[in-house]
Amino acid sequence: MLKPNKFEWKGMLVAAACAVALSAFSPVAGVIPVVALQFAKAEEKKIEAARILVAQYFDPKNDFIPKANAHNALMKMGPAANQALVEVLNNSKRSSGERGTAAYLLGQFNLGNPHKSQQTIDALVKAAKDSKQFVRENARGALCNIGPDSVPALLQAIRPADSMGNGHIANALGYFEDRRVIDPLIGVIQDSKIPDYLRSRIVDLLMDKVDSMTGKQILDAKKALDILKDDIVPVTAEDLKNPRIPSKFTLEYQERLFKDLEKAMIKLDKANIVVPRKMR
């Protein structure tokens, strides 16, 4: 219903043929803008239809069947569905549940990046820094689904004055098997303004890339781990009195963190000894 019917298609083809013929005799062919306009209107109708389907999907009054129908229809709409979902993701007035779900759907619809666009990637990268965890995690998953094409935009999103945002971006970068992400991960680990729990998570992701590191990167990683260990503030008696922080969690968390850092350091030492690497 949204696509031009056979008569409209025939009219477009005739117009295009006329444009080609006219271009051979005249430098000005007024038919081409008409054809472009017809295509633009058809695309705008698809985007509007996608917006209606997105509204149906998020409507709390709808039960499973209308939502499933909207979902299945959106999957077949390609770039138009992307556009409608990006609008939800970028809308700060939407709930974190809706925005996180929009990010999840973008990842689902763009698995292996069949319809991905730079607009979609940029919106997901921005969402990967969101203050809401549900939005961040789904945006990170969507970027991983899109694949390596997400890496350049993630790398560009690291900003000198945005420690927390950089931590979340590094957490997304760490899932990619790409040599370009190693140095940014090492840099983020050294930022004392990023919470210990997030820095330790990035350490875990970095350790999965030891085999891809140069000798210099291994030395830089060891320095970063030393900095992180020095930055960890020991649990105090006051911390244990805080009713918001279960004492078991606090003590176990810090103990586990130190053990993980020791294991990471040992892994780096072995990598540097077993496989000598050039200082590049």
C-alpha atoms as a PDB file:
ATOM      1  CA  MET A   1       0.000   0.000   0.000  1.00  0.00           C
ATOM      2  CA  LEU A   2       2.864   2.324   0.716  1.00  0.00           C
ATOM      3  CA  LYS A   3       4.820   1.481  -2.431  1.00  0.00           C
ATOM      4  CA  PRO A   4       3.941   3.161  -5.736  1.00  0.00           C
ATOM      5  CA  ASN A   5       1.528   0.997  -7.741  1.00  0.00           C
ATOM      6  CA  LYS A   6       2.386  -0.316 -11.202  1.00  0.00           C
ATOM      7  CA  PHE A   7       0.914   2.731 -12.908  1.00  0.00           C
ATOM      8  CA  GLU A   8       2.958   5.095 -10.714  1.00  0.00           C
ATOM      9  CA  TRP A   9       6.104   3.062 -11.353  1.00  0.00           C
ATOM     10  CA  LYS A  10       5.407   3.182 -15.084  1.00  0.00           C
ATOM     11  CA  GLY A  11       5.004   6.946 -14.888  1.00  0.00           C
ATOM     12  CA  MET A  12       8.308   7.274 -13.030  1.00  0.00           C
ATOM     13  CA  LEU A  13      10.127   5.136 -15.579  1.00  0.00           C
ATOM     14  CA  VAL A  14       8.686   7.120 -18.489  1.00  0.00           C
ATOM     15  CA  ALA A  15       9.694  10.365 -16.804  1.00  0.00           C
ATOM     16  CA  ALA A  16      13.191   9.044 -16.177  1.00  0.00           C
ATOM     17  CA  ALA A  17      13.494   7.956 -19.808  1.00  0.00           C
ATOM     18  CA  CYS A  18      12.371  11.402 -20.926  1.00  0.00           C
ATOM     19  CA  ALA A  19      14.945  12.992 -18.653  1.00  0.00           C
ATOM     20  CA  VAL A  20      17.716  10.900 -20.182  1.00  0.00           C
ATOM     21  CA  ALA A  21      16.548  11.784 -23.697  1.00  0.00           C
ATOM     22  CA  LEU A  22      16.247  15.478 -22.926  1.00  0.00           C
ATOM     23  CA  SER A  23      19.673  15.598 -21.316  1.00  0.00           C
ATOM     24  CA  ALA A  24      21.178  14.712 -24.686  1.00  0.00           C
ATOM     25  CA  PHE A  25      19.721  17.881 -26.236  1.00  0.00           C
ATOM     26  CA  SER A  26      19.439  20.336 -23.380  1.00  0.00           C
ATOM     27  CA  PRO A  27      21.582  21.132 -20.310  1.00  0.00           C
ATOM     28  CA  VAL A  28      18.403  21.739 -18.333  1.00  0.00           C
ATOM     29  CA  ALA A  29      16.155  18.731 -17.814  1.00  0.00           C
ATOM     30  CA  GLY A  30      13.245  19.665 -15.617  1.00  0.00           C
ATOM     31  CA  VAL A  31      11.935  16.125 -15.437  1.00  0.00           C
ATOM     32  CA  ILE A  32      14.644  14.816 -13.096  1.00  0.00           C
ATOM     33  CA  PRO A  33      13.538  16.906 -10.062  1.00  0.00           C
ATOM     34  CA  VAL A  34       9.972  15.688 -10.602  1.00  0.00           C
ATOM     35  CA  VAL A  35      11.099  12.052 -10.477  1.00  0.00           C
ATOM     36  CA  ALA A  36      13.234  12.744  -7.392  1.00  0.00           C
ATOM     37  CA  LEU A  37      10.271  14.425  -5.712  1.00  0.00           C
ATOM     38  CA  GLN A  38       8.029  11.421  -6.375  1.00  0.00           C
ATOM     39  CA  PHE A  39      10.591   9.089  -4.802  1.00  0.00           C
ATOM     40  CA  ALA A  40      11.043  11.473  -1.846  1.00  0.00           C
ATOM     41  CA  LYS A  41       7.312  11.544  -1.212  1.00  0.00           C
ATOM     42  CA  ALA A  42       7.152   7.741  -1.301  1.00  0.00           C
ATOM     43  CA  GLU A  43      10.007   7.519   1.225  1.00  0.00           C
ATOM     44  CA  GLU A  44       8.376  10.097   3.502  1.00  0.00           C
ATOM     45  CA  LYS A  45       5.178   8.033   3.469  1.00  0.00           C
ATOM     46  CA  LYS A  46       7.175   4.987   4.577  1.00  0.00           C
ATOM     47  CA  ILE A  47       8.741   6.952   7.439  1.00  0.00           C
ATOM     48  CA  GLU A  48       5.319   8.219   8.528  1.00  0.00           C
ATOM     49  CA  ALA A  49       3.974   4.660   8.436  1.00  0.00           C
ATOM     50  CA  ALA A  50       6.948   3.515  10.501  1.00  0.00           C
ATOM     51  CA  ARG A  51       6.183   6.208  13.086  1.00  0.00           C
ATOM     52  CA  ILE A  52       2.616   4.922  13.356  1.00  0.00           C
ATOM     53  CA  LEU A  53       3.876   1.361  13.836  1.00  0.00           C
ATOM     54  CA  VAL A  54       6.362   2.504  16.491  1.00  0.00           C
ATOM     55  CA  ALA A  55       3.554   4.312  18.312  1.00  0.00           C
ATOM     56  CA  GLN A  56       1.484   1.106  18.148  1.00  0.00           C
ATOM     57  CA  TYR A  57       4.405  -0.927  19.483  1.00  0.00           C
ATOM     58  CA  PHE A  58       4.931   1.378  22.476  1.00  0.00           C
ATOM     59  CA  ASP A  59       1.244   1.950  23.223  1.00  0.00           C
ATOM     60  CA  PRO A  60       0.690   0.510  26.741  1.00  0.00           C
ATOM     61  CA  LYS A  61      -2.936  -0.211  25.877  1.00  0.00           C
ATOM     62  CA  ASN A  62      -1.964  -2.743  23.228  1.00  0.00           C
ATOM     63  CA  ASP A  63      -1.499  -6.383  24.139  1.00  0.00           C
ATOM     64  CA  PHE A  64       0.973  -8.858  22.649  1.00  0.00           C
ATOM     65  CA  ILE A  65      -0.640  -9.355  19.242  1.00  0.00           C
ATOM     66  CA  PRO A  66      -0.754  -5.676  18.096  1.00  0.00           C
ATOM     67  CA  LYS A  67       2.793  -5.206  19.365  1.00  0.00           C
ATOM     68  CA  ALA A  68       4.004  -8.335  17.557  1.00  0.00           C
ATOM     69  CA  ASN A  69       2.306  -7.204  14.344  1.00  0.00           C
ATOM     70  CA  ALA A  70       3.941  -3.788  14.612  1.00  0.00           C
ATOM     71  CA  HIS A  71       7.309  -5.402  15.330  1.00  0.00           C
ATOM     72  CA  ASN A  72       7.092  -7.719  12.316  1.00  0.00           C
ATOM     73  CA  ALA A  73       6.039  -4.899  10.027  1.00  0.00           C
ATOM     74  CA  LEU A  74       8.874  -2.641  11.222  1.00  0.00           C
ATOM     75  CA  MET A  75      11.418  -5.372  10.540  1.00  0.00           C
ATOM     76  CA  LYS A  76      10.503  -5.202   6.853  1.00  0.00           C
ATOM     77  CA  MET A  77      10.701  -1.418   6.558  1.00  0.00           C
ATOM     78  CA  GLY A  78      14.474  -0.984   6.638  1.00  0.00           C
ATOM     79  CA  PRO A  79      15.727   2.630   6.825  1.00  0.00           C
ATOM     80  CA  ALA A  80      12.242   3.998   7.544  1.00  0.00           C
ATOM     81  CA  ALA A  81      12.031   1.902  10.715  1.00  0.00           C
ATOM     82  CA  ASN A  82      15.514   3.096  11.699  1.00  0.00           C
ATOM     83  CA  GLN A  83      14.419   6.706  11.329  1.00  0.00           C
ATOM     84  CA  ALA A  84      11.310   6.248  13.488  1.00  0.00           C
ATOM     85  CA  LEU A  85      13.203   4.364  16.216  1.00  0.00           C
ATOM     86  CA  VAL A  86      16.069   6.873  16.279  1.00  0.00           C
ATOM     87  CA  GLU A  87      13.486   9.596  16.918  1.00  0.00           C
ATOM     88  CA  VAL A  88      12.306   7.688  20.001  1.00  0.00           C
ATOM     89  CA  LEU A  89      15.874   7.065  21.170  1.00  0.00           C
ATOM     90  CA  ASN A  90      16.805  10.746  20.844  1.00  0.00           C
ATOM     91  CA  ASN A  91      13.661  12.002  22.567  1.00  0.00           C
ATOM     92  CA  SER A  92      14.579  12.893  26.156  1.00  0.00           C
ATOM     93  CA  LYS A  93      10.883  13.150  27.054  1.00  0.00           C
ATOM     94  CA  ARG A  94      10.444   9.430  26.455  1.00  0.00           C
ATOM     95  CA  SER A  95      10.925   7.043  29.357  1.00  0.00           C
ATOM     96  CA  SER A  96      14.201   5.180  29.744  1.00  0.00           C
ATOM     97  CA  GLY A  97      12.252   1.971  29.118  1.00  0.00           C
ATOM     98  CA  GLU A  98      11.015   3.205  25.742  1.00  0.00           C
ATOM     99  CA  ARG A  99      14.390   4.623  24.736  1.00  0.00           C
ATOM    100  CA  GLY A 100      16.224   1.481  25.804  1.00  0.00           C
ATOM    101  CA  THR A 101      13.749  -0.665  23.901  1.00  0.00           C
ATOM    102  CA  ALA A 102      14.193   1.515  20.801  1.00  0.00           C
ATOM    103  CA  ALA A 103      17.956   0.925  21.045  1.00  0.00           C
ATOM    104  CA  TYR A 104      17.368  -2.811  21.398  1.00  0.00           C
ATOM    105  CA  LEU A 105      15.135  -2.871  18.305  1.00  0.00           C
ATOM    106  CA  LEU A 106      17.699  -0.912  16.304  1.00  0.00           C
ATOM    107  CA  GLY A 107      20.242  -3.577  17.158  1.00  0.00           C
ATOM    108  CA  GLN A 108      17.818  -6.332  16.254  1.00  0.00           C
ATOM    109  CA  PHE A 109      16.802  -4.786  12.931  1.00  0.00           C
ATOM    110  CA  ASN A 110      20.413  -3.980  11.967  1.00  0.00           C
ATOM    111  CA  LEU A 111      22.091  -7.263  12.910  1.00  0.00           C
ATOM    112  CA  GLY A 112      25.030  -7.503  10.523  1.00  0.00           C
ATOM    113  CA  ASN A 113      24.216  -3.899   9.470  1.00  0.00           C
ATOM    114  CA  PRO A 114      21.813  -4.546   6.557  1.00  0.00           C
ATOM    115  CA  HIS A 115      20.151  -1.125   6.865  1.00  0.00           C
ATOM    116  CA  LYS A 116      22.486   0.753   9.171  1.00  0.00           C
ATOM    117  CA  SER A 117      23.158   4.433   8.562  1.00  0.00           C
ATOM    118  CA  GLN A 118      25.552   6.892  10.151  1.00  0.00           C
ATOM    119  CA  GLN A 119      22.551   8.564  11.780  1.00  0.00           C
ATOM    120  CA  THR A 120      21.642   5.273  13.477  1.00  0.00           C
ATOM    121  CA  ILE A 121      25.207   4.661  14.664  1.00  0.00           C
ATOM    122  CA  ASP A 122      25.601   8.222  15.979  1.00  0.00           C
ATOM    123  CA  ALA A 123      22.336   7.997  17.921  1.00  0.00           C
ATOM    124  CA  LEU A 124      23.388   4.682  19.481  1.00  0.00           C
ATOM    125  CA  VAL A 125      26.850   6.009  20.384  1.00  0.00           C
ATOM    126  CA  LYS A 126      25.225   8.959  22.137  1.00  0.00           C
ATOM    127  CA  ALA A 127      22.870   6.577  23.942  1.00  0.00           C
ATOM    128  CA  ALA A 128      25.849   4.458  25.039  1.00  0.00           C
ATOM    129  CA  LYS A 129      26.779   7.415  27.293  1.00  0.00           C
ATOM    130  CA  ASP A 130      23.253   7.836  28.664  1.00  0.00           C
ATOM    131  CA  SER A 131      22.706   8.266  32.396  1.00  0.00           C
ATOM    132  CA  LYS A 132      20.201   5.382  32.417  1.00  0.00           C
ATOM    133  CA  GLN A 133      21.724   1.908  32.540  1.00  0.00           C
ATOM    134  CA  PHE A 134      18.935   0.267  30.541  1.00  0.00           C
ATOM    135  CA  VAL A 135      19.486   2.698  27.670  1.00  0.00           C
ATOM    136  CA  ARG A 136      23.279   2.333  27.798  1.00  0.00           C
ATOM    137  CA  GLU A 137      23.293  -1.462  27.809  1.00  0.00           C
ATOM    138  CA  ASN A 138      20.849  -1.791  24.923  1.00  0.00           C
ATOM    139  CA  ALA A 139      22.707   0.821  22.891  1.00  0.00           C
ATOM    140  CA  ARG A 140      25.967  -1.052  23.492  1.00  0.00           C
ATOM    141  CA  GLY A 141      24.361  -4.305  22.382  1.00  0.00           C
ATOM    142  CA  ALA A 142      22.949  -2.649  19.269  1.00  0.00           C
ATOM    143  CA  LEU A 143      26.355  -1.268  18.294  1.00  0.00           C
ATOM    144  CA  CYS A 144      27.852  -4.728  18.688  1.00  0.00           C
ATOM    145  CA  ASN A 145      25.108  -6.128  16.445  1.00  0.00           C
ATOM    146  CA  ILE A 146      25.882  -3.545  13.782  1.00  0.00           C
ATOM    147  CA  GLY A 147      29.524  -4.601  13.955  1.00  0.00           C
ATOM    148  CA  PRO A 148      32.921  -3.018  13.233  1.00  0.00           C
ATOM    149  CA  ASP A 149      31.349  -0.079  11.398  1.00  0.00           C
ATOM    150  CA  SER A 150      30.464   1.231  14.877  1.00  0.00           C
ATOM    151  CA  VAL A 151      34.095   1.471  16.021  1.00  0.00           C
ATOM    152  CA  PRO A 152      35.113   4.792  14.340  1.00  0.00           C
ATOM    153  CA  ALA A 153      32.135   6.655  15.819  1.00  0.00           C
ATOM    154  CA  LEU A 154      32.811   5.174  19.276  1.00  0.00           C
ATOM    155  CA  LEU A 155      36.468   6.208  19.103  1.00  0.00           C
ATOM    156  CA  GLN A 156      35.482   9.747  18.138  1.00  0.00           C
ATOM    157  CA  ALA A 157      33.073   9.900  21.090  1.00  0.00           C
ATOM    158  CA  ILE A 158      35.903   9.792  23.640  1.00  0.00           C
ATOM    159  CA  ARG A 159      36.313  13.345  24.964  1.00  0.00           C
ATOM    160  CA  PRO A 160      39.046  14.686  27.297  1.00  0.00           C
ATOM    161  CA  ALA A 161      36.599  16.339  29.714  1.00  0.00           C
ATOM    162  CA  ASP A 162      33.988  13.569  29.858  1.00  0.00           C
ATOM    163  CA  SER A 163      35.353  10.922  32.214  1.00  0.00           C
ATOM    164  CA  MET A 164      32.111   9.088  32.944  1.00  0.00           C
ATOM    165  CA  GLY A 165      31.020   9.158  29.320  1.00  0.00           C
ATOM    166  CA  ASN A 166      34.429   7.855  28.269  1.00  0.00           C
ATOM    167  CA  GLY A 167      34.074   4.988  30.706  1.00  0.00           C
ATOM    168  CA  HIS A 168      30.776   3.933  29.155  1.00  0.00           C
ATOM    169  CA  ILE A 169      32.147   4.303  25.620  1.00  0.00           C
ATOM    170  CA  ALA A 170      35.178   2.180  26.538  1.00  0.00           C
ATOM    171  CA  ASN A 171      32.830  -0.422  27.960  1.00  0.00           C
ATOM    172  CA  ALA A 172      31.223  -0.621  24.517  1.00  0.00           C
ATOM    173  CA  LEU A 173      34.532  -0.564  22.631  1.00  0.00           C
ATOM    174  CA  GLY A 174      35.841  -3.465  24.673  1.00  0.00           C
ATOM    175  CA  TYR A 175      33.443  -5.885  22.995  1.00  0.00           C
ATOM    176  CA  PHE A 176      35.046  -5.381  19.579  1.00  0.00           C
ATOM    177  CA  GLU A 177      37.948  -7.525  18.383  1.00  0.00           C
ATOM    178  CA  ASP A 178      39.747  -4.565  16.894  1.00  0.00           C
ATOM    179  CA  ARG A 179      43.322  -3.418  17.553  1.00  0.00           C
ATOM    180  CA  ARG A 180      42.214   0.218  17.389  1.00  0.00           C
ATOM    181  CA  VAL A 181      40.364  -0.045  20.702  1.00  0.00           C
ATOM    182  CA  ILE A 182      43.360  -1.146  22.814  1.00  0.00           C
ATOM    183  CA  ASP A 183      44.996   2.248  23.414  1.00  0.00           C
ATOM    184  CA  PRO A 184      41.699   4.001  24.308  1.00  0.00           C
ATOM    185  CA  LEU A 185      40.917   1.243  26.828  1.00  0.00           C
ATOM    186  CA  ILE A 186      44.341   1.636  28.446  1.00  0.00           C
ATOM    187  CA  GLY A 187      43.821   5.397  28.630  1.00  0.00           C
ATOM    188  CA  VAL A 188      40.392   5.139  30.248  1.00  0.00           C
ATOM    189  CA  ILE A 189      41.642   2.741  32.941  1.00  0.00           C
ATOM    190  CA  GLN A 190      44.010   5.472  34.124  1.00  0.00           C
ATOM    191  CA  ASP A 191      41.258   8.057  34.640  1.00  0.00           C
ATOM    192  CA  SER A 192      40.701   8.352  38.402  1.00  0.00           C
ATOM    193  CA  LYS A 193      37.404  10.178  37.869  1.00  0.00           C
ATOM    194  CA  ILE A 194      35.819   6.991  36.529  1.00  0.00           C
ATOM    195  CA  PRO A 195      34.372   4.696  39.254  1.00  0.00           C
ATOM    196  CA  ASP A 196      36.476   1.690  40.238  1.00  0.00           C
ATOM    197  CA  TYR A 197      33.775  -0.797  39.227  1.00  0.00           C
ATOM    198  CA  LEU A 198      33.672   0.554  35.673  1.00  0.00           C
ATOM    199  CA  ARG A 199      37.459   0.722  35.348  1.00  0.00           C
ATOM    200  CA  SER A 200      37.762  -2.880  36.551  1.00  0.00           C
ATOM    201  CA  ARG A 201      35.159  -3.946  33.988  1.00  0.00           C
ATOM    202  CA  ILE A 202      37.256  -2.320  31.272  1.00  0.00           C
ATOM    203  CA  VAL A 203      40.315  -4.169  32.604  1.00  0.00           C
ATOM    204  CA  ASP A 204      38.450  -7.461  32.036  1.00  0.00           C
ATOM    205  CA  LEU A 205      37.687  -6.458  28.455  1.00  0.00           C
ATOM    206  CA  LEU A 206      41.265  -5.344  27.878  1.00  0.00           C
ATOM    207  CA  MET A 207      42.660  -8.660  29.117  1.00  0.00           C
ATOM    208  CA  ASP A 208      40.801 -10.439  26.328  1.00  0.00           C
ATOM    209  CA  LYS A 209      43.000  -8.510  23.888  1.00  0.00           C
ATOM    210  CA  VAL A 210      46.423  -9.269  25.368  1.00  0.00           C
ATOM    211  CA  ASP A 211      47.372 -11.496  22.433  1.00  0.00           C
ATOM    212  CA  SER A 212      46.821  -8.561  20.071  1.00  0.00           C
ATOM    213  CA  MET A 213      48.957  -6.097  22.064  1.00  0.00           C
ATOM    214  CA  THR A 214      52.372  -4.783  21.089  1.00  0.00           C
ATOM    215  CA  GLY A 215      55.179  -4.734  23.662  1.00  0.00           C
ATOM    216  CA  LYS A 216      54.588  -1.038  24.300  1.00  0.00           C
ATOM    217  CA  GLN A 217      50.886  -1.598  24.875  1.00  0.00           C
ATOM    218  CA  ILE A 218      51.640  -4.335  27.412  1.00  0.00           C
ATOM    219  CA  LEU A 219      53.906  -1.968  29.360  1.00  0.00           C
ATOM    220  CA  ASP A 220      51.298   0.801  29.143  1.00  0.00           C
ATOM    221  CA  ALA A 221      48.609  -1.603  30.368  1.00  0.00           C
ATOM    222  CA  LYS A 222      50.735  -2.602  33.373  1.00  0.00           C
ATOM    223  CA  LYS A 223      51.205   1.064  34.275  1.00  0.00           C
ATOM    224  CA  ALA A 224      47.461   1.599  33.967  1.00  0.00           C
ATOM    225  CA  LEU A 225      46.759  -1.291  36.352  1.00  0.00           C
ATOM    226  CA  ASP A 226      49.234   0.120  38.880  1.00  0.00           C
ATOM    227  CA  ILE A 227      47.450   3.468  38.729  1.00  0.00           C
ATOM    228  CA  LEU A 228      44.078   1.801  39.249  1.00  0.00           C
ATOM    229  CA  LYS A 229      45.350  -0.157  42.281  1.00  0.00           C
ATOM    230  CA  ASP A 230      46.691   3.052  43.836  1.00  0.00           C
ATOM    231  CA  ASP A 231      43.392   4.848  43.208  1.00  0.00           C
ATOM    232  CA  ILE A 232      41.227   2.261  44.977  1.00  0.00           C
ATOM    233  CA  VAL A 233      40.148   3.649  48.325  1.00  0.00           C
ATOM    234  CA  PRO A 234      40.078   0.928  51.007  1.00  0.00           C
ATOM    235  CA  VAL A 235      36.764   0.210  52.674  1.00  0.00           C
ATOM    236  CA  THR A 236      36.434   2.118  55.949  1.00  0.00           C
ATOM    237  CA  ALA A 237      34.434   1.503  59.111  1.00  0.00           C
ATOM    238  CA  GLU A 238      32.128   4.324  58.032  1.00  0.00           C
ATOM    239  CA  ASP A 239      31.421   2.535  54.764  1.00  0.00           C
ATOM    240  CA  LEU A 240      30.355  -0.548  56.670  1.00  0.00           C
ATOM    241  CA  LYS A 241      27.928   1.529  58.751  1.00  0.00           C
ATOM    242  CA  ASN A 242      26.212   2.880  55.652  1.00  0.00           C
ATOM    243  CA  PRO A 243      22.850   1.039  55.407  1.00  0.00           C
ATOM    244  CA  ARG A 244      22.764   1.607  51.646  1.00  0.00           C
ATOM    245  CA  ILE A 245      25.905  -0.482  51.117  1.00  0.00           C
ATOM    246  CA  PRO A 246      25.729  -4.091  52.366  1.00  0.00           C
ATOM    247  CA  SER A 247      29.004  -4.795  54.196  1.00  0.00           C
ATOM    248  CA  LYS A 248      29.343  -8.214  52.552  1.00  0.00           C
ATOM    249  CA  PHE A 249      29.056  -6.731  49.094  1.00  0.00           C
ATOM    250  CA  THR A 250      31.525  -3.944  49.867  1.00  0.00           C
ATOM    251  CA  LEU A 251      34.195  -6.215  51.314  1.00  0.00           C
ATOM    252  CA  GLU A 252      33.737  -8.992  48.769  1.00  0.00           C
ATOM    253  CA  TYR A 253      33.688  -6.544  45.897  1.00  0.00           C
ATOM    254  CA  GLN A 254      36.938  -4.882  46.902  1.00  0.00           C
ATOM    255  CA  GLU A 255      38.651  -8.187  47.602  1.00  0.00           C
ATOM    256  CA  ARG A 256      37.551  -9.539  44.219  1.00  0.00           C
ATOM    257  CA  LEU A 257      38.723  -6.356  42.511  1.00  0.00           C
ATOM    258  CA  PHE A 258      42.239  -6.674  43.907  1.00  0.00           C
ATOM    259  CA  LYS A 259      42.401 -10.355  42.940  1.00  0.00           C
ATOM    260  CA  ASP A 260      41.256  -9.565  39.406  1.00  0.00           C
ATOM    261  CA  LEU A 261      43.937  -6.896  39.082  1.00  0.00           C
ATOM    262  CA  GLU A 262      46.615  -9.324  40.285  1.00  0.00           C
ATOM    263  CA  LYS A 263      45.484 -11.921  37.733  1.00  0.00           C
ATOM    264  CA  ALA A 264      45.529  -9.288  34.999  1.00  0.00           C
ATOM    265  CA  MET A 265      49.061  -8.245  35.934  1.00  0.00           C
ATOM    266  CA  ILE A 266      50.266 -11.865  35.863  1.00  0.00           C
ATOM    267  CA  LYS A 267      48.669 -12.344  32.448  1.00  0.00           C
ATOM    268  CA  LEU A 268      50.483  -9.283  31.106  1.00  0.00           C
ATOM    269  CA  ASP A 269      53.805 -10.489  32.545  1.00  0.00           C
ATOM    270  CA  LYS A 270      53.421 -13.906  30.917  1.00  0.00           C
ATOM    271  CA  ALA A 271      52.457 -12.389  27.582  1.00  0.00           C
ATOM    272  CA  ASN A 272      55.534 -10.196  27.564  1.00  0.00           C
ATOM    273  CA  ILE A 273      57.878 -13.068  28.468  1.00  0.00           C
ATOM    274  CA  VAL A 274      56.407 -15.899  26.394  1.00  0.00           C
ATOM    275  CA  VAL A 275      55.931 -13.862  23.228  1.00  0.00           C
ATOM    276  CA  PRO A 276      58.602 -11.157  22.947  1.00  0.00           C
ATOM    277  CA  ARG A 277      57.150  -8.133  21.213  1.00  0.00           C
ATOM    278  CA  LYS A 278      58.697  -5.219  19.369  1.00  0.00           C
ATOM    279  CA  MET A 279      58.411  -1.769  20.903  1.00  0.00           C
ATOM    280  CA  ARG A 280      56.257  -0.116  18.273  1.00  0.00           C
END
